[in-house]
Amino acid sequence: MCYNYNMNLVKKKEKKQSEREKVEERREEVLATGRKFKYPLQWTKHRIVMNTILIAFVITAIIVVGGWLALYRLGMTDEPLYRITKVIPVSVAKVEEESVPFSDYLMLYRSSMTSIERQSGNQFDQSSAEALRAEYKRVALTEAEKYTYAAKLARDLGITVSDEQINAEFDRHLKIGGIDRSEEGFLKIIDDNFSLDKNEYKHMLYLSLLKSEVNVAIDESANKVANKVESLLAGNDNDYQKVAEELDEGIVYEETGGLVDSKNIDGGRATEAMKLEPGQSSGKFISMNGDGYYFVKLIKKNDTEVNFVSIKVPFTEFEKRFAKLQEEDKIHEYIEVGEAENGN
């Protein structure tokens, strides 16, 4: 009797344990079924992410390689590439370890070619047009290198150009030739003739002003000659020709030989002359392109024309230093352009 009770107890325990095991087994089956759906989905997401990254990498590589070929091997100068170089700071050359922005080179080249093409129309045949483009590429690249070198010297000398200076120069350009142009009208002129917007034009003014400031700071010889000219003019009743003959230190004496348009693009001489009275001298001022000092004496004028004589004291120190860099092979260019006719 006791034996039967124990047997029944064992059977109940076995039965109870067996049910728990079945529940665990069932639970494991449910979890296993869930895993069949979970892990394939995780794997699919992983593959999507990897494929997306791979595609993005391939597209980026194609853009980079294509852009590199277009800029550095094919020498393309199209506007989309120019816009890209304004966003991505790539270099076209190096001057004493200073990178020359590709965007500056393209801006200078495109503005020059736009002016030539719109003024000349289709008068050039294909061969002449190619030669002209090659010439202006060389000039633009050299100018971009000079601006970069000027920026380096400016940094070394602590020279800066403020926004106020740039804005003042922009306003002065609005009134070149004595015409009080509207900003809208002026911007249309520079867009039509040079394909430049306001920011690009101001950047060109910045580069020009910075180089001009550097010229003034480093060219002790030009400063001394300009001081001599001022002194001699003050002592001989503004006899420009006599001063030029007496000094002969690289200065340039010029006469208009008669009345010329007061809007002449001549470094700012006609504009300055228009402010004077006959026989009056302007005193020293920097040329609009920053390549030297000018002195102007008015001979005669009317409402729209001027007759004047002038003396120019060229800046030479910067060009000497830049030429030395070229001789010492400290300028490295990443694109191939020919030599300009003047040897630049």
C-alpha atoms as a PDB file:
ATOM      1  CA  MET A   1       0.000   0.000   0.000  1.00  0.00           C
ATOM      2  CA  CYS A   2       2.786   2.311   0.936  1.00  0.00           C
ATOM      3  CA  TYR A   3       4.658   1.235  -2.146  1.00  0.00           C
ATOM      4  CA  ASN A   4       1.775   2.155  -4.418  1.00  0.00           C
ATOM      5  CA  TYR A   5       1.542   5.597  -2.840  1.00  0.00           C
ATOM      6  CA  ASN A   6       5.216   6.261  -3.453  1.00  0.00           C
ATOM      7  CA  MET A   7       4.910   5.112  -7.049  1.00  0.00           C
ATOM      8  CA  ASN A   8       1.989   7.437  -7.623  1.00  0.00           C
ATOM      9  CA  LEU A   9       3.935  10.314  -6.088  1.00  0.00           C
ATOM     10  CA  VAL A  10       6.877   9.655  -8.373  1.00  0.00           C
ATOM     11  CA  LYS A  11       4.595   9.502 -11.364  1.00  0.00           C
ATOM     12  CA  LYS A  12       2.964  12.818 -10.406  1.00  0.00           C
ATOM     13  CA  LYS A  13       6.366  14.463 -10.017  1.00  0.00           C
ATOM     14  CA  GLU A  14       7.484  13.072 -13.344  1.00  0.00           C
ATOM     15  CA  LYS A  15       4.294  14.251 -14.941  1.00  0.00           C
ATOM     16  CA  LYS A  16       4.630  17.739 -13.444  1.00  0.00           C
ATOM     17  CA  GLN A  17       8.265  18.050 -14.524  1.00  0.00           C
ATOM     18  CA  SER A  18       7.422  16.858 -17.977  1.00  0.00           C
ATOM     19  CA  GLU A  19       4.805  19.595 -18.406  1.00  0.00           C
ATOM     20  CA  ARG A  20       7.290  22.296 -17.372  1.00  0.00           C
ATOM     21  CA  GLU A  21       9.756  20.947 -19.862  1.00  0.00           C
ATOM     22  CA  LYS A  22       7.105  21.024 -22.533  1.00  0.00           C
ATOM     23  CA  VAL A  23       6.356  24.686 -21.736  1.00  0.00           C
ATOM     24  CA  GLU A  24      10.075  25.514 -21.973  1.00  0.00           C
ATOM     25  CA  GLU A  25      10.344  23.542 -25.157  1.00  0.00           C
ATOM     26  CA  ARG A  26       7.365  25.343 -26.614  1.00  0.00           C
ATOM     27  CA  ARG A  27       8.814  28.707 -25.544  1.00  0.00           C
ATOM     28  CA  GLU A  28      12.078  27.869 -27.274  1.00  0.00           C
ATOM     29  CA  GLU A  29      10.207  26.873 -30.424  1.00  0.00           C
ATOM     30  CA  VAL A  30       8.405  30.252 -30.478  1.00  0.00           C
ATOM     31  CA  LEU A  31      11.666  32.127 -29.948  1.00  0.00           C
ATOM     32  CA  ALA A  32      13.379  30.105 -32.630  1.00  0.00           C
ATOM     33  CA  THR A  33      10.561  30.864 -35.037  1.00  0.00           C
ATOM     34  CA  GLY A  34      10.957  34.585 -34.250  1.00  0.00           C
ATOM     35  CA  ARG A  35      14.687  34.424 -34.887  1.00  0.00           C
ATOM     36  CA  LYS A  36      14.046  33.093 -38.357  1.00  0.00           C
ATOM     37  CA  PHE A  37      12.346  36.395 -39.177  1.00  0.00           C
ATOM     38  CA  LYS A  38      14.590  38.663 -37.073  1.00  0.00           C
ATOM     39  CA  TYR A  39      18.048  37.694 -38.263  1.00  0.00           C
ATOM     40  CA  PRO A  40      17.319  37.667 -42.007  1.00  0.00           C
ATOM     41  CA  LEU A  41      15.843  41.184 -41.580  1.00  0.00           C
ATOM     42  CA  GLN A  42      18.949  42.352 -39.704  1.00  0.00           C
ATOM     43  CA  TRP A  43      21.122  40.893 -42.426  1.00  0.00           C
ATOM     44  CA  THR A  44      19.059  42.657 -45.101  1.00  0.00           C
ATOM     45  CA  LYS A  45      19.391  46.013 -43.305  1.00  0.00           C
ATOM     46  CA  HIS A  46      23.126  45.462 -42.952  1.00  0.00           C
ATOM     47  CA  ARG A  47      23.459  44.763 -46.676  1.00  0.00           C
ATOM     48  CA  ILE A  48      21.392  47.854 -47.549  1.00  0.00           C
ATOM     49  CA  VAL A  49      23.637  50.051 -45.402  1.00  0.00           C
ATOM     50  CA  MET A  50      26.804  48.525 -46.862  1.00  0.00           C
ATOM     51  CA  ASN A  51      25.517  48.839 -50.423  1.00  0.00           C
ATOM     52  CA  THR A  52      24.501  52.460 -49.836  1.00  0.00           C
ATOM     53  CA  ILE A  53      27.956  53.288 -48.479  1.00  0.00           C
ATOM     54  CA  LEU A  54      29.596  51.504 -51.381  1.00  0.00           C
ATOM     55  CA  ILE A  55      27.466  53.314 -53.974  1.00  0.00           C
ATOM     56  CA  ALA A  56      28.138  56.671 -52.307  1.00  0.00           C
ATOM     57  CA  PHE A  57      31.862  55.927 -52.293  1.00  0.00           C
ATOM     58  CA  VAL A  58      31.823  54.981 -55.983  1.00  0.00           C
ATOM     59  CA  ILE A  59      29.864  58.114 -56.935  1.00  0.00           C
ATOM     60  CA  THR A  60      32.220  60.297 -54.878  1.00  0.00           C
ATOM     61  CA  ALA A  61      35.229  58.629 -56.476  1.00  0.00           C
ATOM     62  CA  ILE A  62      33.798  59.208 -59.963  1.00  0.00           C
ATOM     63  CA  ILE A  63      33.156  62.900 -59.169  1.00  0.00           C
ATOM     64  CA  VAL A  64      36.629  63.361 -57.688  1.00  0.00           C
ATOM     65  CA  VAL A  65      38.403  61.588 -60.529  1.00  0.00           C
ATOM     66  CA  GLY A  66      36.242  63.294 -63.141  1.00  0.00           C
ATOM     67  CA  GLY A  67      36.832  66.697 -61.566  1.00  0.00           C
ATOM     68  CA  TRP A  68      40.555  66.049 -61.313  1.00  0.00           C
ATOM     69  CA  LEU A  69      40.748  65.068 -64.980  1.00  0.00           C
ATOM     70  CA  ALA A  70      38.630  68.055 -66.043  1.00  0.00           C
ATOM     71  CA  LEU A  71      40.691  70.566 -64.058  1.00  0.00           C
ATOM     72  CA  TYR A  72      44.217  69.205 -64.072  1.00  0.00           C
ATOM     73  CA  ARG A  73      44.433  67.232 -67.314  1.00  0.00           C
ATOM     74  CA  LEU A  74      41.835  68.560 -69.736  1.00  0.00           C
ATOM     75  CA  GLY A  75      42.198  72.173 -68.602  1.00  0.00           C
ATOM     76  CA  MET A  76      38.452  72.787 -68.635  1.00  0.00           C
ATOM     77  CA  THR A  77      37.248  76.196 -67.435  1.00  0.00           C
ATOM     78  CA  ASP A  78      33.474  75.760 -67.549  1.00  0.00           C
ATOM     79  CA  GLU A  79      31.293  77.624 -65.067  1.00  0.00           C
ATOM     80  CA  PRO A  80      30.150  74.488 -63.147  1.00  0.00           C
ATOM     81  CA  LEU A  81      33.787  73.619 -62.445  1.00  0.00           C
ATOM     82  CA  TYR A  82      34.475  77.197 -61.410  1.00  0.00           C
ATOM     83  CA  ARG A  83      31.536  77.075 -58.978  1.00  0.00           C
ATOM     84  CA  ILE A  84      32.839  73.798 -57.545  1.00  0.00           C
ATOM     85  CA  THR A  85      36.302  75.273 -56.930  1.00  0.00           C
ATOM     86  CA  LYS A  86      34.685  78.133 -55.013  1.00  0.00           C
ATOM     87  CA  VAL A  87      33.177  75.592 -52.613  1.00  0.00           C
ATOM     88  CA  ILE A  88      35.988  73.021 -52.551  1.00  0.00           C
ATOM     89  CA  PRO A  89      39.378  74.693 -51.929  1.00  0.00           C
ATOM     90  CA  VAL A  90      41.585  72.992 -54.517  1.00  0.00           C
ATOM     91  CA  SER A  91      44.952  74.379 -55.604  1.00  0.00           C
ATOM     92  CA  VAL A  92      46.177  75.202 -59.090  1.00  0.00           C
ATOM     93  CA  ALA A  93      49.754  75.947 -58.016  1.00  0.00           C
ATOM     94  CA  LYS A  94      51.993  76.557 -55.017  1.00  0.00           C
ATOM     95  CA  VAL A  95      54.135  79.616 -54.292  1.00  0.00           C
ATOM     96  CA  GLU A  96      56.642  79.106 -51.480  1.00  0.00           C
ATOM     97  CA  GLU A  97      54.365  76.448 -49.939  1.00  0.00           C
ATOM     98  CA  GLU A  98      51.371  78.791 -50.270  1.00  0.00           C
ATOM     99  CA  SER A  99      48.477  77.245 -52.190  1.00  0.00           C
ATOM    100  CA  VAL A 100      47.122  79.210 -55.136  1.00  0.00           C
ATOM    101  CA  PRO A 101      43.308  78.853 -55.204  1.00  0.00           C
ATOM    102  CA  PHE A 102      41.996  77.309 -58.404  1.00  0.00           C
ATOM    103  CA  SER A 103      38.969  79.570 -58.043  1.00  0.00           C
ATOM    104  CA  ASP A 104      41.152  82.718 -58.278  1.00  0.00           C
ATOM    105  CA  TYR A 105      42.810  81.447 -61.453  1.00  0.00           C
ATOM    106  CA  LEU A 106      39.480  80.589 -63.076  1.00  0.00           C
ATOM    107  CA  MET A 107      37.910  83.889 -61.989  1.00  0.00           C
ATOM    108  CA  LEU A 108      40.753  85.893 -63.546  1.00  0.00           C
ATOM    109  CA  TYR A 109      40.792  83.816 -66.723  1.00  0.00           C
ATOM    110  CA  ARG A 110      37.027  83.709 -67.240  1.00  0.00           C
ATOM    111  CA  SER A 111      36.589  87.460 -66.635  1.00  0.00           C
ATOM    112  CA  SER A 112      39.329  88.283 -69.161  1.00  0.00           C
ATOM    113  CA  MET A 113      38.030  85.896 -71.811  1.00  0.00           C
ATOM    114  CA  THR A 114      34.438  87.055 -71.334  1.00  0.00           C
ATOM    115  CA  SER A 115      35.531  90.616 -72.007  1.00  0.00           C
ATOM    116  CA  ILE A 116      37.515  89.625 -75.117  1.00  0.00           C
ATOM    117  CA  GLU A 117      34.835  87.348 -76.545  1.00  0.00           C
ATOM    118  CA  ARG A 118      31.970  89.801 -76.043  1.00  0.00           C
ATOM    119  CA  GLN A 119      33.899  92.701 -77.520  1.00  0.00           C
ATOM    120  CA  SER A 120      35.362  90.843 -80.491  1.00  0.00           C
ATOM    121  CA  GLY A 121      32.420  88.579 -81.303  1.00  0.00           C
ATOM    122  CA  ASN A 122      33.345  85.826 -83.774  1.00  0.00           C
ATOM    123  CA  GLN A 123      36.203  87.594 -85.501  1.00  0.00           C
ATOM    124  CA  PHE A 124      38.780  84.963 -84.448  1.00  0.00           C
ATOM    125  CA  ASP A 125      39.157  81.668 -86.293  1.00  0.00           C
ATOM    126  CA  GLN A 126      39.521  78.466 -84.284  1.00  0.00           C
ATOM    127  CA  SER A 127      43.319  78.515 -84.307  1.00  0.00           C
ATOM    128  CA  SER A 128      43.510  82.164 -83.224  1.00  0.00           C
ATOM    129  CA  ALA A 129      40.894  81.596 -80.532  1.00  0.00           C
ATOM    130  CA  GLU A 130      42.845  78.649 -79.112  1.00  0.00           C
ATOM    131  CA  ALA A 131      46.046  80.696 -79.073  1.00  0.00           C
ATOM    132  CA  LEU A 132      44.230  83.535 -77.331  1.00  0.00           C
ATOM    133  CA  ARG A 133      42.799  81.208 -74.696  1.00  0.00           C
ATOM    134  CA  ALA A 134      46.250  79.723 -74.076  1.00  0.00           C
ATOM    135  CA  GLU A 135      47.719  83.222 -73.708  1.00  0.00           C
ATOM    136  CA  TYR A 136      45.087  84.321 -71.200  1.00  0.00           C
ATOM    137  CA  LYS A 137      45.399  81.104 -69.200  1.00  0.00           C
ATOM    138  CA  ARG A 138      49.081  81.832 -68.775  1.00  0.00           C
ATOM    139  CA  VAL A 139      48.430  85.438 -67.770  1.00  0.00           C
ATOM    140  CA  ALA A 140      45.636  84.459 -65.359  1.00  0.00           C
ATOM    141  CA  LEU A 141      47.729  81.777 -63.682  1.00  0.00           C
ATOM    142  CA  THR A 142      50.679  84.124 -63.212  1.00  0.00           C
ATOM    143  CA  GLU A 143      48.398  86.813 -61.793  1.00  0.00           C
ATOM    144  CA  ALA A 144      46.825  84.325 -59.381  1.00  0.00           C
ATOM    145  CA  GLU A 145      50.321  83.302 -58.247  1.00  0.00           C
ATOM    146  CA  LYS A 146      51.290  86.932 -57.696  1.00  0.00           C
ATOM    147  CA  TYR A 147      48.179  87.591 -55.637  1.00  0.00           C
ATOM    148  CA  THR A 148      48.953  84.540 -53.508  1.00  0.00           C
ATOM    149  CA  TYR A 149      52.519  85.739 -52.998  1.00  0.00           C
ATOM    150  CA  ALA A 150      51.228  89.212 -52.122  1.00  0.00           C
ATOM    151  CA  ALA A 151      48.894  87.650 -49.539  1.00  0.00           C
ATOM    152  CA  LYS A 152      51.861  85.828 -47.984  1.00  0.00           C
ATOM    153  CA  LEU A 153      53.928  89.026 -47.804  1.00  0.00           C
ATOM    154  CA  ALA A 154      50.934  90.896 -46.378  1.00  0.00           C
ATOM    155  CA  ARG A 155      50.555  88.312 -43.628  1.00  0.00           C
ATOM    156  CA  ASP A 156      54.268  88.506 -42.838  1.00  0.00           C
ATOM    157  CA  LEU A 157      54.112  92.321 -42.724  1.00  0.00           C
ATOM    158  CA  GLY A 158      50.862  92.482 -40.778  1.00  0.00           C
ATOM    159  CA  ILE A 159      49.036  94.180 -43.652  1.00  0.00           C
ATOM    160  CA  THR A 160      45.275  93.745 -43.904  1.00  0.00           C
ATOM    161  CA  VAL A 161      42.503  95.112 -46.099  1.00  0.00           C
ATOM    162  CA  SER A 162      39.258  95.899 -44.312  1.00  0.00           C
ATOM    163  CA  ASP A 163      35.709  95.587 -45.580  1.00  0.00           C
ATOM    164  CA  GLU A 164      35.474  99.377 -45.306  1.00  0.00           C
ATOM    165  CA  GLN A 165      38.400  99.780 -47.728  1.00  0.00           C
ATOM    166  CA  ILE A 166      36.837  97.343 -50.187  1.00  0.00           C
ATOM    167  CA  ASN A 167      33.460  99.068 -49.998  1.00  0.00           C
ATOM    168  CA  ALA A 168      35.093 102.474 -50.473  1.00  0.00           C
ATOM    169  CA  GLU A 169      36.947 101.204 -53.543  1.00  0.00           C
ATOM    170  CA  PHE A 170      33.738  99.686 -54.892  1.00  0.00           C
ATOM    171  CA  ASP A 171      31.971 103.040 -54.453  1.00  0.00           C
ATOM    172  CA  ARG A 172      34.874 104.771 -56.204  1.00  0.00           C
ATOM    173  CA  HIS A 173      34.480 102.434 -59.175  1.00  0.00           C
ATOM    174  CA  LEU A 174      30.812 103.354 -59.356  1.00  0.00           C
ATOM    175  CA  LYS A 175      31.866 106.913 -60.118  1.00  0.00           C
ATOM    176  CA  ILE A 176      34.744 106.273 -62.538  1.00  0.00           C
ATOM    177  CA  GLY A 177      34.724 108.857 -65.307  1.00  0.00           C
ATOM    178  CA  GLY A 178      32.663 111.259 -63.252  1.00  0.00           C
ATOM    179  CA  ILE A 179      29.465 109.258 -63.785  1.00  0.00           C
ATOM    180  CA  ASP A 180      27.317 108.627 -60.715  1.00  0.00           C
ATOM    181  CA  ARG A 181      26.134 105.125 -61.620  1.00  0.00           C
ATOM    182  CA  SER A 182      23.593 103.152 -59.655  1.00  0.00           C
ATOM    183  CA  GLU A 183      24.852  99.954 -58.076  1.00  0.00           C
ATOM    184  CA  GLU A 184      22.351  97.929 -60.092  1.00  0.00           C
ATOM    185  CA  GLY A 185      23.541  99.501 -63.340  1.00  0.00           C
ATOM    186  CA  PHE A 186      27.194  99.002 -62.460  1.00  0.00           C
ATOM    187  CA  LEU A 187      26.685  95.344 -61.544  1.00  0.00           C
ATOM    188  CA  LYS A 188      24.974  94.794 -64.893  1.00  0.00           C
ATOM    189  CA  ILE A 189      28.018  96.300 -66.624  1.00  0.00           C
ATOM    190  CA  ILE A 190      30.481  94.011 -64.859  1.00  0.00           C
ATOM    191  CA  ASP A 191      28.230  91.013 -65.446  1.00  0.00           C
ATOM    192  CA  ASP A 192      27.831  91.788 -69.145  1.00  0.00           C
ATOM    193  CA  ASN A 193      31.519  92.536 -69.697  1.00  0.00           C
ATOM    194  CA  PHE A 194      33.304  90.275 -67.218  1.00  0.00           C
ATOM    195  CA  SER A 195      30.710  87.740 -66.067  1.00  0.00           C
ATOM    196  CA  LEU A 196      31.315  88.696 -62.430  1.00  0.00           C
ATOM    197  CA  ASP A 197      28.806  89.150 -59.636  1.00  0.00           C
ATOM    198  CA  LYS A 198      29.181  91.637 -56.801  1.00  0.00           C
ATOM    199  CA  ASN A 199      31.021  89.273 -54.440  1.00  0.00           C
ATOM    200  CA  GLU A 200      33.443  88.219 -57.165  1.00  0.00           C
ATOM    201  CA  TYR A 201      34.129  91.822 -58.148  1.00  0.00           C
ATOM    202  CA  LYS A 202      34.742  92.730 -54.510  1.00  0.00           C
ATOM    203  CA  HIS A 203      37.124  89.794 -54.197  1.00  0.00           C
ATOM    204  CA  MET A 204      39.092  91.124 -57.162  1.00  0.00           C
ATOM    205  CA  LEU A 205      39.176  94.532 -55.498  1.00  0.00           C
ATOM    206  CA  TYR A 206      40.440  92.887 -52.323  1.00  0.00           C
ATOM    207  CA  LEU A 207      43.263  91.131 -54.180  1.00  0.00           C
ATOM    208  CA  SER A 208      44.235  94.337 -55.970  1.00  0.00           C
ATOM    209  CA  LEU A 209      44.161  96.451 -52.803  1.00  0.00           C
ATOM    210  CA  LEU A 210      46.199  93.903 -50.866  1.00  0.00           C
ATOM    211  CA  LYS A 211      48.873  93.745 -53.548  1.00  0.00           C
ATOM    212  CA  SER A 212      48.932  97.531 -53.757  1.00  0.00           C
ATOM    213  CA  GLU A 213      49.418  97.834 -49.989  1.00  0.00           C
ATOM    214  CA  VAL A 214      52.270  95.326 -50.184  1.00  0.00           C
ATOM    215  CA  ASN A 215      53.895  97.278 -53.029  1.00  0.00           C
ATOM    216  CA  VAL A 216      53.833 100.465 -50.985  1.00  0.00           C
ATOM    217  CA  ALA A 217      55.264  98.685 -47.942  1.00  0.00           C
ATOM    218  CA  ILE A 218      58.176  96.888 -49.621  1.00  0.00           C
ATOM    219  CA  ASP A 219      59.218  99.229 -52.447  1.00  0.00           C
ATOM    220  CA  GLU A 220      61.571 101.636 -50.707  1.00  0.00           C
ATOM    221  CA  SER A 221      63.121 102.659 -54.019  1.00  0.00           C
ATOM    222  CA  ALA A 222      59.770 103.759 -55.522  1.00  0.00           C
ATOM    223  CA  ASN A 223      58.905 105.628 -52.347  1.00  0.00           C
ATOM    224  CA  LYS A 224      62.205 107.523 -52.447  1.00  0.00           C
ATOM    225  CA  VAL A 225      61.812 108.414 -56.130  1.00  0.00           C
ATOM    226  CA  ALA A 226      58.222 109.562 -55.559  1.00  0.00           C
ATOM    227  CA  ASN A 227      59.395 111.814 -52.743  1.00  0.00           C
ATOM    228  CA  LYS A 228      62.059 113.292 -55.053  1.00  0.00           C
ATOM    229  CA  VAL A 229      59.445 113.948 -57.732  1.00  0.00           C
ATOM    230  CA  GLU A 230      57.215 115.729 -55.222  1.00  0.00           C
ATOM    231  CA  SER A 231      60.090 117.853 -54.008  1.00  0.00           C
ATOM    232  CA  LEU A 232      61.286 118.799 -57.495  1.00  0.00           C
ATOM    233  CA  LEU A 233      57.791 119.636 -58.744  1.00  0.00           C
ATOM    234  CA  ALA A 234      57.270 121.890 -55.774  1.00  0.00           C
ATOM    235  CA  GLY A 235      60.477 123.746 -56.600  1.00  0.00           C
ATOM    236  CA  ASN A 236      60.082 124.224 -60.364  1.00  0.00           C
ATOM    237  CA  ASP A 237      56.431 125.265 -60.701  1.00  0.00           C
ATOM    238  CA  ASN A 238      55.248 121.774 -61.676  1.00  0.00           C
ATOM    239  CA  ASP A 239      57.456 121.382 -64.749  1.00  0.00           C
ATOM    240  CA  TYR A 240      56.871 117.669 -65.316  1.00  0.00           C
ATOM    241  CA  GLN A 241      59.096 117.272 -68.355  1.00  0.00           C
ATOM    242  CA  LYS A 242      62.039 118.909 -66.628  1.00  0.00           C
ATOM    243  CA  VAL A 243      61.660 116.650 -63.588  1.00  0.00           C
ATOM    244  CA  ALA A 244      61.520 113.570 -65.817  1.00  0.00           C
ATOM    245  CA  GLU A 245      64.695 114.594 -67.627  1.00  0.00           C
ATOM    246  CA  GLU A 246      66.465 115.431 -64.384  1.00  0.00           C
ATOM    247  CA  LEU A 247      65.643 112.225 -62.544  1.00  0.00           C
ATOM    248  CA  ASP A 248      65.535 109.536 -65.239  1.00  0.00           C
ATOM    249  CA  GLU A 249      65.257 106.857 -62.513  1.00  0.00           C
ATOM    250  CA  GLY A 250      62.879 104.538 -64.297  1.00  0.00           C
ATOM    251  CA  ILE A 251      60.051 107.039 -64.213  1.00  0.00           C
ATOM    252  CA  VAL A 252      57.671 107.377 -67.161  1.00  0.00           C
ATOM    253  CA  TYR A 253      56.669 110.796 -68.523  1.00  0.00           C
ATOM    254  CA  GLU A 254      53.609 111.004 -70.778  1.00  0.00           C
ATOM    255  CA  GLU A 255      51.549 113.655 -72.540  1.00  0.00           C
ATOM    256  CA  THR A 256      48.048 113.177 -73.903  1.00  0.00           C
ATOM    257  CA  GLY A 257      48.912 115.555 -76.770  1.00  0.00           C
ATOM    258  CA  GLY A 258      45.416 116.965 -76.723  1.00  0.00           C
ATOM    259  CA  LEU A 259      41.999 116.481 -75.209  1.00  0.00           C
ATOM    260  CA  VAL A 260      41.013 112.902 -74.371  1.00  0.00           C
ATOM    261  CA  ASP A 261      37.898 111.379 -72.870  1.00  0.00           C
ATOM    262  CA  SER A 262      37.749 111.921 -69.124  1.00  0.00           C
ATOM    263  CA  LYS A 263      36.452 108.339 -68.803  1.00  0.00           C
ATOM    264  CA  ASN A 264      39.719 106.891 -70.109  1.00  0.00           C
ATOM    265  CA  ILE A 265      40.822 103.663 -68.489  1.00  0.00           C
ATOM    266  CA  ASP A 266      44.334 104.881 -67.744  1.00  0.00           C
ATOM    267  CA  GLY A 267      45.038 103.982 -64.159  1.00  0.00           C
ATOM    268  CA  GLY A 268      42.925 106.833 -62.841  1.00  0.00           C
ATOM    269  CA  ARG A 269      44.878 109.702 -64.397  1.00  0.00           C
ATOM    270  CA  ALA A 270      42.031 111.197 -66.430  1.00  0.00           C
ATOM    271  CA  THR A 271      39.737 111.014 -63.419  1.00  0.00           C
ATOM    272  CA  GLU A 272      42.273 112.824 -61.248  1.00  0.00           C
ATOM    273  CA  ALA A 273      42.995 115.387 -63.963  1.00  0.00           C
ATOM    274  CA  MET A 274      39.293 116.199 -64.196  1.00  0.00           C
ATOM    275  CA  LYS A 275      39.375 117.328 -60.559  1.00  0.00           C
ATOM    276  CA  LEU A 276      42.125 119.894 -61.208  1.00  0.00           C
ATOM    277  CA  GLU A 277      42.319 123.384 -62.611  1.00  0.00           C
ATOM    278  CA  PRO A 278      44.720 124.210 -65.500  1.00  0.00           C
ATOM    279  CA  GLY A 279      48.324 124.268 -64.291  1.00  0.00           C
ATOM    280  CA  GLN A 280      47.462 122.476 -61.080  1.00  0.00           C
ATOM    281  CA  SER A 281      49.224 119.228 -60.067  1.00  0.00           C
ATOM    282  CA  SER A 282      47.534 116.309 -58.371  1.00  0.00           C
ATOM    283  CA  GLY A 283      50.326 115.222 -56.080  1.00  0.00           C
ATOM    284  CA  LYS A 284      51.178 111.549 -55.601  1.00  0.00           C
ATOM    285  CA  PHE A 285      48.464 108.897 -55.902  1.00  0.00           C
ATOM    286  CA  ILE A 286      48.506 105.147 -56.472  1.00  0.00           C
ATOM    287  CA  SER A 287      47.398 103.865 -59.873  1.00  0.00           C
ATOM    288  CA  MET A 288      44.085 102.035 -59.914  1.00  0.00           C
ATOM    289  CA  ASN A 289      45.774  98.717 -60.686  1.00  0.00           C
ATOM    290  CA  GLY A 290      48.332  99.287 -57.933  1.00  0.00           C
ATOM    291  CA  ASP A 291      51.441  99.100 -60.112  1.00  0.00           C
ATOM    292  CA  GLY A 292      52.954 102.479 -59.210  1.00  0.00           C
ATOM    293  CA  TYR A 293      52.554 106.111 -58.216  1.00  0.00           C
ATOM    294  CA  TYR A 294      51.129 108.725 -60.572  1.00  0.00           C
ATOM    295  CA  PHE A 295      51.496 112.499 -60.713  1.00  0.00           C
ATOM    296  CA  VAL A 296      49.137 114.428 -63.016  1.00  0.00           C
ATOM    297  CA  LYS A 297      49.132 118.049 -64.175  1.00  0.00           C
ATOM    298  CA  LEU A 298      46.091 119.445 -65.965  1.00  0.00           C
ATOM    299  CA  ILE A 299      46.711 121.435 -69.132  1.00  0.00           C
ATOM    300  CA  LYS A 300      43.146 121.988 -70.296  1.00  0.00           C
ATOM    301  CA  LYS A 301      39.667 120.523 -69.866  1.00  0.00           C
ATOM    302  CA  ASN A 302      36.038 120.889 -70.830  1.00  0.00           C
ATOM    303  CA  ASP A 303      32.923 119.137 -69.557  1.00  0.00           C
ATOM    304  CA  THR A 304      33.886 115.707 -70.881  1.00  0.00           C
ATOM    305  CA  GLU A 305      37.544 115.844 -71.924  1.00  0.00           C
ATOM    306  CA  VAL A 306      40.949 116.522 -70.401  1.00  0.00           C
ATOM    307  CA  ASN A 307      44.452 117.315 -71.608  1.00  0.00           C
ATOM    308  CA  PHE A 308      47.190 116.490 -69.119  1.00  0.00           C
ATOM    309  CA  VAL A 309      50.782 115.386 -68.585  1.00  0.00           C
ATOM    310  CA  SER A 310      51.776 112.699 -66.124  1.00  0.00           C
ATOM    311  CA  ILE A 311      54.700 111.054 -64.408  1.00  0.00           C
ATOM    312  CA  LYS A 312      54.621 107.445 -63.301  1.00  0.00           C
ATOM    313  CA  VAL A 313      56.941 105.951 -60.693  1.00  0.00           C
ATOM    314  CA  PRO A 314      56.557 102.176 -61.204  1.00  0.00           C
ATOM    315  CA  PHE A 315      56.711  99.685 -58.371  1.00  0.00           C
ATOM    316  CA  THR A 316      59.501  97.212 -59.152  1.00  0.00           C
ATOM    317  CA  GLU A 317      60.415  95.448 -55.908  1.00  0.00           C
ATOM    318  CA  PHE A 318      57.516  93.008 -55.913  1.00  0.00           C
ATOM    319  CA  GLU A 319      58.213  91.939 -59.507  1.00  0.00           C
ATOM    320  CA  LYS A 320      61.902  91.430 -58.675  1.00  0.00           C
ATOM    321  CA  ARG A 321      61.050  89.195 -55.739  1.00  0.00           C
ATOM    322  CA  PHE A 322      58.529  87.234 -57.771  1.00  0.00           C
ATOM    323  CA  ALA A 323      61.028  86.752 -60.609  1.00  0.00           C
ATOM    324  CA  LYS A 324      63.532  85.443 -58.076  1.00  0.00           C
ATOM    325  CA  LEU A 325      61.003  82.847 -56.919  1.00  0.00           C
ATOM    326  CA  GLN A 326      60.625  81.720 -60.526  1.00  0.00           C
ATOM    327  CA  GLU A 327      64.389  81.493 -60.975  1.00  0.00           C
ATOM    328  CA  GLU A 328      64.765  79.503 -57.759  1.00  0.00           C
ATOM    329  CA  ASP A 329      62.001  77.097 -58.819  1.00  0.00           C
ATOM    330  CA  LYS A 330      59.831  77.971 -55.831  1.00  0.00           C
ATOM    331  CA  ILE A 331      56.659  78.124 -57.889  1.00  0.00           C
ATOM    332  CA  HIS A 332      55.075  74.774 -58.716  1.00  0.00           C
ATOM    333  CA  GLU A 333      52.149  74.603 -61.111  1.00  0.00           C
ATOM    334  CA  TYR A 334      49.708  71.701 -61.261  1.00  0.00           C
ATOM    335  CA  ILE A 335      48.345  72.433 -64.732  1.00  0.00           C
ATOM    336  CA  GLU A 336      50.096  72.910 -68.058  1.00  0.00           C
ATOM    337  CA  VAL A 337      49.834  76.323 -69.648  1.00  0.00           C
ATOM    338  CA  GLY A 338      52.108  77.829 -72.233  1.00  0.00           C
ATOM    339  CA  GLU A 339      54.377  80.822 -71.969  1.00  0.00           C
ATOM    340  CA  ALA A 340      52.930  84.270 -72.518  1.00  0.00           C
ATOM    341  CA  GLU A 341      54.338  86.420 -75.297  1.00  0.00           C
ATOM    342  CA  ASN A 342      56.006  88.672 -72.724  1.00  0.00           C
ATOM    343  CA  GLY A 343      57.720  85.683 -71.155  1.00  0.00           C
ATOM    344  CA  ASN A 344      55.550  85.331 -68.060  1.00  0.00           C
END
